[in-house]
Every structure is written in structure tokens, then in C-alpha cells.
N, C-alpha and C. Protein backbone atom coordinates (compact mmCIF):
# COMPACT_ATOMS: atom_id res chain seq x y z
N UNK A 1 68.47 106.76 165.15
CA UNK A 1 69.71 105.96 164.90
C UNK A 1 69.62 105.30 163.63
N UNK A 2 68.85 104.55 163.56
CA UNK A 2 68.51 103.56 162.52
C UNK A 2 68.61 104.28 161.27
N UNK A 3 68.10 105.42 161.09
CA UNK A 3 67.99 106.39 159.84
C UNK A 3 69.35 106.75 159.73
N UNK A 4 70.11 107.21 160.49
CA UNK A 4 71.55 107.72 160.30
C UNK A 4 72.39 106.52 159.75
N UNK A 5 72.15 105.67 160.32
CA UNK A 5 73.11 104.30 159.79
C UNK A 5 72.74 104.05 158.41
N UNK A 6 71.50 104.22 158.17
CA UNK A 6 70.73 103.68 157.00
C UNK A 6 71.23 104.75 155.68
N UNK A 7 71.41 106.02 156.10
CA UNK A 7 71.87 107.07 155.24
C UNK A 7 73.31 107.10 155.33
N UNK A 8 74.17 106.73 156.08
CA UNK A 8 75.52 106.14 155.93
C UNK A 8 75.68 105.29 154.98
N UNK A 9 75.27 104.04 155.10
CA UNK A 9 75.12 102.96 154.27
C UNK A 9 74.93 103.29 152.85
N UNK A 10 73.78 103.89 152.59
CA UNK A 10 73.48 104.32 151.22
C UNK A 10 74.49 105.37 150.39
N UNK A 11 75.17 106.30 151.48
CA UNK A 11 76.24 106.96 150.62
C UNK A 11 77.33 106.40 150.37
N UNK A 12 77.87 105.29 151.21
CA UNK A 12 78.69 104.43 151.14
C UNK A 12 78.56 103.66 149.84
N UNK A 13 77.36 103.00 149.62
CA UNK A 13 77.03 102.35 148.46
C UNK A 13 77.13 103.09 147.21
N UNK A 14 76.60 104.40 147.35
CA UNK A 14 76.62 105.21 146.19
C UNK A 14 77.81 105.68 145.62
N UNK A 15 78.67 105.65 146.37
CA UNK A 15 80.08 105.87 145.89
C UNK A 15 81.22 105.03 145.88
N UNK A 16 80.70 103.61 145.88
CA UNK A 16 81.49 102.37 145.87
C UNK A 16 82.18 102.32 144.61
N UNK A 17 81.63 102.88 143.42
CA UNK A 17 82.41 102.77 142.06
C UNK A 17 84.06 103.20 142.30
N UNK A 18 84.59 102.67 141.50
CA UNK A 18 86.05 102.89 141.19
C UNK A 18 86.22 104.18 141.09
N UNK A 19 87.04 105.26 141.59
CA UNK A 19 87.33 106.41 141.43
C UNK A 19 88.48 106.46 140.61
N UNK A 20 88.71 107.27 139.79
CA UNK A 20 89.83 107.30 138.80
C UNK A 20 91.09 108.06 139.82
N UNK A 21 91.96 107.26 139.56
CA UNK A 21 93.22 108.01 140.38
C UNK A 21 93.98 109.04 139.85
N UNK A 22 95.08 109.38 140.21
CA UNK A 22 95.72 110.62 139.60
C UNK A 22 96.26 110.28 138.20
N UNK A 23 96.98 109.14 137.88
CA UNK A 23 97.44 108.90 136.54
C UNK A 23 96.17 108.60 135.57
N UNK A 24 94.94 107.81 136.13
CA UNK A 24 93.91 107.77 135.08
C UNK A 24 93.06 109.07 134.81
N UNK A 25 93.03 109.90 135.87
CA UNK A 25 92.49 111.17 135.59
C UNK A 25 93.33 111.94 134.65
N UNK A 26 94.60 112.10 134.88
CA UNK A 26 95.55 112.65 133.91
C UNK A 26 95.51 112.22 132.47
N UNK A 27 95.41 110.94 132.47
CA UNK A 27 95.44 110.24 130.96
C UNK A 27 93.95 110.70 130.42
N UNK A 28 92.97 110.54 131.35
CA UNK A 28 91.81 111.10 130.43
C UNK A 28 91.57 112.66 130.20
N UNK A 29 92.17 113.44 131.07
CA UNK A 29 92.29 114.78 130.63
C UNK A 29 93.09 115.04 129.54
N UNK A 30 94.40 114.32 129.66
CA UNK A 30 95.08 114.49 128.34
C UNK A 30 94.44 114.36 127.01
N UNK A 31 93.50 113.14 126.86
CA UNK A 31 92.82 112.86 125.90
C UNK A 31 91.52 114.07 125.51
N UNK A 32 91.00 114.33 126.43
CA UNK A 32 89.88 115.46 126.58
C UNK A 32 90.62 116.93 125.94
N UNK A 33 91.78 117.00 126.60
CA UNK A 33 92.62 118.07 125.68
C UNK A 33 92.88 118.02 124.18
N UNK A 34 93.33 116.75 123.98
CA UNK A 34 93.54 116.44 122.48
C UNK A 34 92.36 116.44 121.73
N UNK A 35 91.10 116.51 122.21
CA UNK A 35 89.81 116.19 121.50
C UNK A 35 89.34 117.52 121.67
N UNK A 36 89.81 118.59 122.26
CA UNK A 36 89.56 120.04 122.46
C UNK A 36 88.18 120.06 123.08
N UNK A 37 87.99 119.26 124.18
CA UNK A 37 86.90 119.16 124.97
C UNK A 37 87.29 119.75 126.43
N UNK A 38 88.57 119.90 126.70
CA UNK A 38 89.15 120.54 127.92
C UNK A 38 90.08 121.29 127.61
N UNK A 39 90.39 122.41 128.40
CA UNK A 39 91.36 123.46 128.11
C UNK A 39 92.92 122.98 128.71
N UNK A 40 93.69 123.15 128.14
CA UNK A 40 95.16 122.63 128.54
C UNK A 40 95.27 123.27 129.96
N UNK A 41 94.73 124.34 130.46
CA UNK A 41 95.03 124.84 131.83
C UNK A 41 94.49 123.94 132.95
N UNK A 42 93.40 123.10 132.26
CA UNK A 42 92.68 122.29 133.41
C UNK A 42 93.37 120.99 133.55
N UNK A 43 94.34 120.72 133.01
CA UNK A 43 95.21 119.53 132.98
C UNK A 43 95.80 119.50 134.35
N UNK A 44 95.49 118.65 135.32
CA UNK A 44 95.85 118.84 136.72
C UNK A 44 95.94 117.50 137.53
N UNK A 45 95.21 116.24 136.80
CA UNK A 45 95.11 115.12 137.30
C UNK A 45 94.03 114.85 138.62
N UNK A 46 93.47 115.93 138.85
CA UNK A 46 92.45 116.20 139.71
C UNK A 46 90.98 116.06 139.26
N UNK A 47 90.08 115.01 139.62
CA UNK A 47 88.61 114.93 139.11
C UNK A 47 87.93 116.06 139.89
N UNK A 48 87.41 116.89 138.98
CA UNK A 48 86.59 118.29 139.41
C UNK A 48 85.39 118.55 138.54
N UNK A 49 84.61 119.42 138.70
CA UNK A 49 83.47 119.58 137.73
C UNK A 49 84.02 120.04 136.48
N UNK A 50 84.81 120.82 136.11
CA UNK A 50 85.39 120.97 134.87
C UNK A 50 85.79 119.53 133.91
N UNK A 51 86.38 118.79 134.60
CA UNK A 51 86.75 117.31 133.96
C UNK A 51 85.48 116.80 133.77
N UNK A 52 84.76 116.59 134.88
CA UNK A 52 83.37 115.76 134.69
C UNK A 52 82.63 116.56 133.54
N UNK A 53 82.39 117.71 133.55
CA UNK A 53 81.70 118.19 132.28
C UNK A 53 82.45 118.01 130.95
N UNK A 54 83.77 117.90 130.97
CA UNK A 54 84.25 117.57 129.47
C UNK A 54 84.14 116.23 129.20
N UNK A 55 84.11 115.10 130.16
CA UNK A 55 83.65 113.84 130.17
C UNK A 55 81.91 113.61 129.38
N UNK A 56 81.20 114.59 130.03
CA UNK A 56 79.89 114.34 129.54
C UNK A 56 79.69 115.08 128.17
N UNK A 57 80.66 115.95 127.64
CA UNK A 57 80.61 116.40 126.46
C UNK A 57 81.16 115.07 125.34
N UNK A 58 82.36 114.37 125.94
CA UNK A 58 82.65 113.40 125.40
C UNK A 58 81.59 112.35 125.11
N UNK A 59 80.63 111.96 126.36
CA UNK A 59 79.74 111.09 126.09
C UNK A 59 78.77 111.46 125.05
N UNK A 60 78.42 112.87 124.89
CA UNK A 60 77.58 113.28 123.68
C UNK A 60 78.06 113.17 122.33
N UNK A 61 79.28 113.14 122.47
CA UNK A 61 80.05 112.85 121.26
C UNK A 61 80.29 111.45 120.71
N UNK A 62 80.52 110.67 121.81
CA UNK A 62 80.74 109.05 121.54
C UNK A 62 79.81 107.87 121.79
N UNK A 63 78.82 108.62 122.57
CA UNK A 63 77.80 107.75 123.11
C UNK A 63 78.11 106.88 124.22
N UNK A 64 79.05 107.42 125.25
CA UNK A 64 79.21 106.84 126.25
C UNK A 64 78.31 107.36 127.24
N UNK A 65 78.28 106.51 128.57
CA UNK A 65 77.19 107.08 129.80
C UNK A 65 77.49 108.55 130.46
N UNK A 66 78.44 109.06 129.95
CA UNK A 66 78.85 110.31 130.78
C UNK A 66 79.85 110.31 131.75
N UNK A 67 80.23 109.15 132.49
CA UNK A 67 81.06 109.09 133.39
C UNK A 67 82.62 109.26 132.77
N UNK A 68 83.32 109.73 133.71
CA UNK A 68 84.93 109.53 133.08
C UNK A 68 85.45 108.15 133.14
N UNK A 69 85.08 107.63 133.76
CA UNK A 69 85.55 105.83 134.05
C UNK A 69 85.11 105.29 132.63
N UNK A 70 83.95 105.65 132.30
CA UNK A 70 83.44 105.08 131.09
C UNK A 70 84.01 105.42 129.71
N UNK A 71 84.51 106.87 129.82
CA UNK A 71 85.13 107.46 128.80
C UNK A 71 86.64 106.89 128.77
N UNK A 72 87.35 106.55 129.58
CA UNK A 72 88.58 105.99 129.78
C UNK A 72 88.37 104.45 129.06
N UNK A 73 87.41 103.64 129.48
CA UNK A 73 87.16 102.57 129.11
C UNK A 73 86.90 102.36 127.73
N UNK A 74 86.23 103.32 127.34
CA UNK A 74 85.84 103.28 125.89
C UNK A 74 87.06 103.46 125.05
N UNK A 75 87.90 104.42 125.38
CA UNK A 75 89.01 104.70 124.51
C UNK A 75 90.20 103.50 124.68
N UNK A 76 89.96 102.81 125.70
CA UNK A 76 90.76 101.60 125.95
C UNK A 76 90.38 100.52 125.18
N UNK A 77 89.04 100.50 124.80
CA UNK A 77 88.48 99.14 124.17
C UNK A 77 88.69 99.49 122.72
N UNK A 78 88.47 100.90 122.25
CA UNK A 78 88.64 101.09 120.84
C UNK A 78 90.13 100.88 120.34
N UNK A 79 90.87 101.37 121.34
CA UNK A 79 92.69 101.55 121.03
C UNK A 79 92.70 100.22 120.62
N UNK A 80 92.23 99.13 121.29
CA UNK A 80 92.77 97.59 121.00
C UNK A 80 92.46 97.21 119.53
N UNK A 81 91.35 97.81 119.01
CA UNK A 81 90.83 97.47 117.58
C UNK A 81 91.86 98.05 116.71
N UNK A 82 92.88 99.13 117.12
CA UNK A 82 93.72 99.80 116.11
C UNK A 82 95.18 99.44 116.19
N UNK A 83 95.50 98.61 117.07
CA UNK A 83 96.93 98.03 117.35
C UNK A 83 97.28 96.70 116.57
N UNK A 84 98.49 96.62 116.32
CA UNK A 84 98.63 95.06 116.01
C UNK A 84 100.18 94.67 116.58
N UNK A 85 100.16 93.51 116.49
CA UNK A 85 101.38 93.03 117.33
C UNK A 85 102.57 92.99 116.18
N UNK A 86 103.58 93.46 117.04
CA UNK A 86 104.90 93.71 116.34
C UNK A 86 105.41 92.16 116.12
N UNK A 87 105.93 91.83 114.77
CA UNK A 87 106.41 90.52 114.58
C UNK A 87 107.68 90.56 113.99
N UNK A 88 108.50 91.95 113.67
CA UNK A 88 109.46 92.10 112.89
C UNK A 88 110.78 91.38 113.97
N UNK A 89 111.29 90.58 113.79
CA UNK A 89 112.22 89.63 114.66
C UNK A 89 113.43 90.71 114.99
N UNK A 90 113.87 91.32 113.79
CA UNK A 90 115.11 92.29 114.40
C UNK A 90 114.79 93.47 115.21
N UNK A 91 113.56 93.95 115.00
CA UNK A 91 113.19 94.80 116.10
C UNK A 91 112.67 94.44 117.45
N UNK A 92 111.94 93.16 117.34
CA UNK A 92 111.77 92.56 118.68
C UNK A 92 113.20 92.33 119.54
N UNK A 93 114.20 91.95 118.77
CA UNK A 93 115.50 91.57 119.43
C UNK A 93 116.26 92.86 119.77
N UNK A 94 115.93 93.90 119.06
CA UNK A 94 116.52 95.22 119.40
C UNK A 94 115.77 95.88 120.83
N UNK A 95 114.08 95.38 120.68
CA UNK A 95 113.60 96.07 121.90
C UNK A 95 114.13 95.32 123.16
N UNK A 96 114.29 93.89 123.00
CA UNK A 96 114.55 92.89 123.98
C UNK A 96 116.03 93.50 124.65
N UNK A 97 116.85 93.87 123.96
CA UNK A 97 118.36 94.24 124.27
C UNK A 97 118.15 95.77 125.14
N UNK A 98 117.55 96.66 124.32
CA UNK A 98 117.38 97.88 124.93
C UNK A 98 116.57 98.07 126.28
N UNK A 99 115.39 97.26 126.29
CA UNK A 99 114.54 97.40 127.11
C UNK A 99 115.12 96.78 128.84
N UNK A 100 115.85 95.61 128.39
CA UNK A 100 116.50 94.78 129.66
C UNK A 100 117.84 95.22 129.86
N UNK A 101 118.34 96.70 129.25
CA UNK A 101 119.64 96.97 129.91
C UNK A 101 119.41 97.50 131.26
N UNK A 102 120.40 96.84 131.98
CA UNK A 102 120.43 97.34 133.58
C UNK A 102 119.38 96.17 134.40
N UNK A 103 118.85 95.21 133.80
CA UNK A 103 118.12 94.24 134.34
C UNK A 103 119.15 93.37 135.23
N UNK A 104 118.91 92.87 136.12
CA UNK A 104 119.67 91.99 137.01
C UNK A 104 119.96 90.83 136.08
N UNK A 105 118.90 90.08 135.45
CA UNK A 105 119.21 88.98 134.58
C UNK A 105 118.22 89.27 133.36
N UNK A 106 118.78 90.02 132.21
CA UNK A 106 118.36 90.37 131.04
C UNK A 106 117.89 88.87 130.42
N UNK A 107 118.41 88.01 130.55
CA UNK A 107 118.35 86.65 129.45
C UNK A 107 116.89 85.98 129.93
N UNK A 108 116.29 86.50 131.41
CA UNK A 108 115.48 85.76 131.92
C UNK A 108 113.78 86.73 131.43
N UNK A 109 114.32 87.87 130.97
CA UNK A 109 113.15 88.62 131.02
C UNK A 109 112.01 88.20 130.00
N UNK A 110 110.80 88.50 130.33
CA UNK A 110 109.47 87.77 129.45
C UNK A 110 108.92 89.09 128.84
N UNK A 111 108.51 89.06 127.71
CA UNK A 111 107.93 90.21 127.03
C UNK A 111 106.55 89.44 126.60
N UNK A 112 105.60 90.55 126.37
CA UNK A 112 104.27 90.06 125.94
C UNK A 112 103.38 91.29 125.57
N UNK A 113 102.54 91.33 124.57
CA UNK A 113 101.71 92.34 124.00
C UNK A 113 102.60 93.53 123.28
N UNK A 114 103.72 92.94 122.76
CA UNK A 114 104.70 94.21 122.08
C UNK A 114 103.62 94.59 120.99
N UNK A 115 103.30 95.76 120.82
CA UNK A 115 102.48 96.31 119.48
C UNK A 115 102.84 97.83 119.28
N UNK A 116 101.96 98.14 118.06
CA UNK A 116 102.13 99.51 117.68
C UNK A 116 100.89 99.82 117.02
N UNK A 117 100.47 101.10 116.71
CA UNK A 117 99.40 101.43 116.04
C UNK A 117 99.43 100.74 114.43
N UNK A 118 98.27 99.79 114.12
CA UNK A 118 98.29 99.09 112.90
C UNK A 118 98.81 99.98 111.81
N UNK A 119 98.64 101.32 111.73
CA UNK A 119 99.12 101.86 110.62
C UNK A 119 100.73 102.30 110.26
N UNK A 120 101.27 101.74 111.57
CA UNK A 120 102.51 102.00 111.84
C UNK A 120 103.52 100.70 111.33
N UNK A 121 102.87 99.64 111.70
CA UNK A 121 103.58 98.47 111.53
C UNK A 121 104.19 98.42 109.88
N UNK A 122 105.53 98.10 109.76
CA UNK A 122 106.18 98.13 108.39
C UNK A 122 106.92 99.35 108.09
N UNK A 123 106.20 100.59 108.89
CA UNK A 123 106.96 101.79 108.64
C UNK A 123 108.44 101.76 109.23
N UNK A 124 109.19 102.62 109.01
CA UNK A 124 110.60 102.72 109.28
C UNK A 124 110.37 103.74 110.66
N UNK A 125 109.33 103.97 111.11
CA UNK A 125 109.35 104.91 112.45
C UNK A 125 107.82 104.40 112.87
N UNK A 126 107.98 103.78 114.37
CA UNK A 126 106.84 103.14 115.22
C UNK A 126 106.90 103.52 116.60
N UNK A 127 105.81 104.06 117.13
CA UNK A 127 105.38 104.03 118.31
C UNK A 127 105.40 102.82 118.99
N UNK A 128 106.19 102.13 119.95
CA UNK A 128 106.23 100.69 120.35
C UNK A 128 105.48 100.89 121.68
N UNK A 129 104.76 99.71 122.15
CA UNK A 129 104.53 99.50 123.51
C UNK A 129 104.43 98.16 123.85
N UNK A 130 104.50 97.86 124.93
CA UNK A 130 104.39 96.52 125.16
C UNK A 130 104.60 96.29 126.85
N UNK A 131 104.88 94.92 127.41
CA UNK A 131 104.89 94.63 128.79
C UNK A 131 106.36 93.59 128.81
N UNK A 132 106.97 94.02 129.85
CA UNK A 132 108.03 93.24 130.38
C UNK A 132 107.98 92.86 131.66
N UNK A 133 108.68 91.65 132.08
CA UNK A 133 108.55 91.07 133.38
C UNK A 133 110.09 90.68 133.41
N UNK A 134 110.87 91.17 134.79
CA UNK A 134 112.17 90.72 134.91
C UNK A 134 112.26 90.26 136.42
N UNK A 135 113.47 89.51 136.58
CA UNK A 135 113.62 89.02 137.67
C UNK A 135 114.50 89.73 138.73
N UNK A 136 114.05 89.55 140.10
CA UNK A 136 115.23 90.54 140.96
C UNK A 136 116.27 89.82 141.58
N UNK A 137 116.93 90.35 142.51
CA UNK A 137 118.25 89.82 142.88
C UNK A 137 117.97 88.41 143.61
N UNK A 138 116.72 88.28 143.88
CA UNK A 138 116.28 86.75 144.63
C UNK A 138 115.70 85.87 143.66
N UNK A 139 115.97 86.09 142.50
CA UNK A 139 115.29 85.27 141.33
C UNK A 139 113.83 84.99 141.32
N UNK A 140 113.26 86.17 141.83
CA UNK A 140 111.72 86.01 141.54
C UNK A 140 111.36 86.94 140.49
N UNK A 141 110.34 86.84 139.82
CA UNK A 141 109.78 87.60 138.75
C UNK A 141 108.93 88.87 139.79
N UNK A 142 109.20 90.03 139.27
CA UNK A 142 108.68 91.20 139.60
C UNK A 142 107.15 91.85 139.32
N UNK A 143 106.77 91.31 138.33
CA UNK A 143 105.50 91.45 137.61
C UNK A 143 105.62 92.45 136.40
N UNK A 144 104.68 92.13 135.39
CA UNK A 144 104.86 92.95 134.21
C UNK A 144 104.77 94.29 134.48
N UNK A 145 105.44 95.17 133.57
CA UNK A 145 105.37 96.69 133.44
C UNK A 145 105.32 97.10 132.13
N UNK A 146 104.60 98.04 131.82
CA UNK A 146 104.35 98.42 130.69
C UNK A 146 105.45 99.49 130.16
N UNK A 147 105.95 98.96 128.90
CA UNK A 147 107.06 100.18 128.48
C UNK A 147 106.52 100.89 127.30
N UNK A 148 107.30 101.89 126.82
CA UNK A 148 106.84 102.52 125.48
C UNK A 148 108.29 103.15 125.07
N UNK A 149 108.15 103.33 123.70
CA UNK A 149 109.63 104.13 122.95
C UNK A 149 108.78 104.41 121.56
N UNK A 150 109.80 105.06 120.89
CA UNK A 150 109.65 105.46 119.50
C UNK A 150 110.85 104.57 118.61
N UNK A 151 110.64 103.90 117.80
CA UNK A 151 111.63 102.86 117.10
C UNK A 151 111.76 103.50 115.79
N UNK A 152 112.99 103.52 115.24
CA UNK A 152 113.27 104.04 113.97
C UNK A 152 114.26 103.07 113.30
N UNK A 153 113.96 102.98 112.03
CA UNK A 153 114.75 101.78 111.26
C UNK A 153 115.80 102.82 110.64
N UNK A 154 117.04 102.49 110.77
CA UNK A 154 118.05 103.21 109.99
C UNK A 154 118.90 102.15 109.36
N UNK A 155 118.98 102.12 108.10
CA UNK A 155 119.65 101.01 107.48
C UNK A 155 118.97 99.80 107.61
N UNK A 156 119.53 98.71 108.25
CA UNK A 156 119.17 97.50 108.26
C UNK A 156 118.89 97.32 110.04
N UNK A 157 119.18 98.41 110.62
CA UNK A 157 118.98 98.12 112.20
C UNK A 157 118.09 98.90 112.88
N UNK A 158 117.58 98.81 114.09
CA UNK A 158 116.53 99.61 114.75
C UNK A 158 117.30 100.38 115.65
N UNK A 159 116.91 101.75 115.92
CA UNK A 159 117.38 102.51 116.91
C UNK A 159 116.23 103.07 117.58
N UNK A 160 116.39 103.83 118.67
CA UNK A 160 115.58 104.22 119.64
C UNK A 160 116.20 105.65 120.05
N UNK A 161 115.47 106.63 119.39
CA UNK A 161 116.08 108.07 119.65
C UNK A 161 115.68 108.66 120.96
N UNK A 162 114.77 107.94 121.61
CA UNK A 162 114.36 108.58 123.09
C UNK A 162 114.57 107.13 123.89
N UNK A 163 114.78 107.32 125.23
CA UNK A 163 114.99 106.23 126.21
C UNK A 163 113.33 105.53 126.43
N UNK A 164 113.58 104.36 126.73
CA UNK A 164 112.64 103.74 126.97
C UNK A 164 111.87 104.26 128.00
N UNK A 165 110.33 104.60 128.01
CA UNK A 165 109.68 104.90 129.28
C UNK A 165 109.11 103.54 129.81
N UNK A 166 109.12 103.53 131.30
CA UNK A 166 108.52 102.33 131.77
C UNK A 166 107.68 102.54 133.25
N UNK A 167 106.62 102.02 133.50
CA UNK A 167 105.90 102.14 134.47
C UNK A 167 106.91 101.53 135.85
N UNK A 168 106.57 102.10 137.01
CA UNK A 168 107.18 101.62 138.15
C UNK A 168 106.10 101.12 139.13
N UNK A 169 106.31 100.83 140.46
CA UNK A 169 105.35 100.57 141.33
C UNK A 169 104.19 101.53 141.82
N UNK A 170 104.50 103.04 141.37
CA UNK A 170 103.86 104.16 141.88
C UNK A 170 103.28 104.90 140.72
N UNK A 171 103.69 104.48 139.64
CA UNK A 171 103.23 105.42 138.04
C UNK A 171 102.68 104.35 137.23
N UNK A 172 101.64 104.36 136.66
CA UNK A 172 101.01 103.67 135.78
C UNK A 172 100.81 104.47 134.34
N UNK A 173 101.53 105.56 134.39
CA UNK A 173 101.28 106.56 133.12
C UNK A 173 101.46 105.87 131.98
N UNK A 174 102.64 104.89 131.86
CA UNK A 174 102.66 104.65 130.50
C UNK A 174 101.69 103.54 130.00
N UNK A 175 101.12 102.69 131.17
CA UNK A 175 99.98 101.69 130.68
C UNK A 175 98.84 102.56 129.95
N UNK A 176 98.60 103.79 130.66
CA UNK A 176 97.42 104.65 130.33
C UNK A 176 97.64 105.24 128.95
N UNK A 177 99.15 105.60 128.61
CA UNK A 177 99.79 105.97 127.34
C UNK A 177 99.44 105.11 126.22
N UNK A 178 99.89 103.61 126.64
CA UNK A 178 99.79 102.83 125.67
C UNK A 178 98.35 102.23 125.43
N UNK A 179 97.50 102.30 126.35
CA UNK A 179 96.34 101.77 126.13
C UNK A 179 95.14 102.93 125.55
N UNK A 180 95.80 104.12 125.31
CA UNK A 180 95.06 104.90 124.49
C UNK A 180 95.69 105.66 123.39
N UNK A 181 96.84 105.57 123.10
CA UNK A 181 97.47 106.19 122.08
C UNK A 181 97.01 106.12 120.82
N UNK A 182 96.74 104.76 120.40
CA UNK A 182 96.25 104.56 118.85
C UNK A 182 94.89 105.26 118.62
N UNK A 183 93.95 105.15 119.57
CA UNK A 183 92.88 105.54 119.48
C UNK A 183 92.73 107.08 119.44
N UNK A 184 93.52 107.66 120.53
CA UNK A 184 93.74 109.26 120.50
C UNK A 184 94.19 109.61 119.21
N UNK A 185 95.29 108.96 118.69
CA UNK A 185 95.89 109.52 117.59
C UNK A 185 95.05 109.55 116.33
N UNK A 186 94.09 108.31 116.16
CA UNK A 186 93.39 108.20 115.38
C UNK A 186 92.20 109.28 115.19
N UNK A 187 91.71 109.59 116.18
CA UNK A 187 90.68 110.64 116.31
C UNK A 187 91.32 111.85 116.00
N UNK A 188 92.46 112.27 116.32
CA UNK A 188 92.93 113.67 116.23
C UNK A 188 93.53 113.82 114.67
N UNK A 189 94.11 112.55 114.21
CA UNK A 189 94.68 112.60 112.97
C UNK A 189 94.28 111.38 112.28
N UNK A 190 92.72 111.45 111.66
CA UNK A 190 92.18 110.30 111.12
C UNK A 190 92.92 109.79 109.96
N UNK A 191 93.02 108.33 109.92
CA UNK A 191 93.73 107.48 108.91
C UNK A 191 92.58 106.50 108.55
N UNK A 192 92.88 106.31 106.89
CA UNK A 192 92.11 105.24 106.39
C UNK A 192 92.59 103.86 106.71
N UNK A 193 91.79 103.46 107.72
CA UNK A 193 92.04 101.79 107.81
C UNK A 193 91.44 100.92 107.07
N UNK A 194 92.28 99.71 106.65
CA UNK A 194 91.56 99.07 105.91
C UNK A 194 91.03 97.91 106.44
């Protein structure tokens, strides 16, 4: 009896590390596909032996510990080094107007961490990410949600050819997209960073 209880405890302890959810797995798989470490046919959001093998190849290439969690953490950490804060006031105002369209109380929206890949800052076209928090009908803030879009400068104004993508309660895809986009793009299409 004691042996069985101890074995169950050890198994539970061994698997207590955070398991990647569907969105995290899909994001790491998307990046592994972009890096030619995983076939597009294997992009399914499920953590299986093929994805784990691709994460091990990633570890050999980038010096991580071999787990898919560590690969995702590495990508997110490296991504932060490649983005810059958006400071263009006209762009920030255009983002505020577009993102809060349909909000119950747009004037109370809070924004933070609005950024783009550093090599895009100042260009006429930028992939923008950020977080927004808005109020519900009870006047309470609902919590920050990640958004992303492509911004293009046309004359003196900014336009958004695609609608803003935003996370909701069940989907955090934009968070992971924004958390790895610059790193992934830089690896796939190397740029000279000053």
C-alpha cells in the first residue's frame, strides 16, 4: 500500500510542471514550422512525440533545455529584445480610436505596452501589438487583453487594412503571436539590428 501511494505521489510530482495548452502548443508549432523544424501537416495544437522531437531540434540549434516550454520561453524572451515602444502620437490616437470601437466606454480604455518590431518603427507599415483594458456595463475593468494589427501610413494619417485581432476569455492566440512575432520574423528574415 505504501509503495503504491509513494509511486502515485512520485508520478504526480514528476508531471507537475506546466503543460502547454492548445494555444501555447499551436504557437510553438507555428514557430517550429517557420524554422523548418516541423512539417506544416503536424500543426495541430496537440503536444505529441513529433512536436517534442522538433523542440529537441530547436534546443540543439538554440541551446535550450529541450522542452517545448523552454523553447517558447526562449522565443518570448528574445522577442522582447527586438521590439520598441510605439511613440508616434498620431498612430497611438488612431489605434485608440480603432481598438475601442464598440467598447461600452471607449474614453476610459487603458492601453499599455504598444510596440512594434524595432526595425518597423518609423516605417510606413508596422505590425503593432499592445494591450487594452476596458470597462463593462457595470463600470468595472475587465482586464487587459492583447491586440494586434497591421498599421499603414497613408499621407498624414494611419489606416488599418485588416481588423484588429484581440484575445478573449478562451483564446490567447494574439498574446503568443505578439510575444514571438519579432523574434520569429528576425530568425526567418534576418535583419541588421543596430
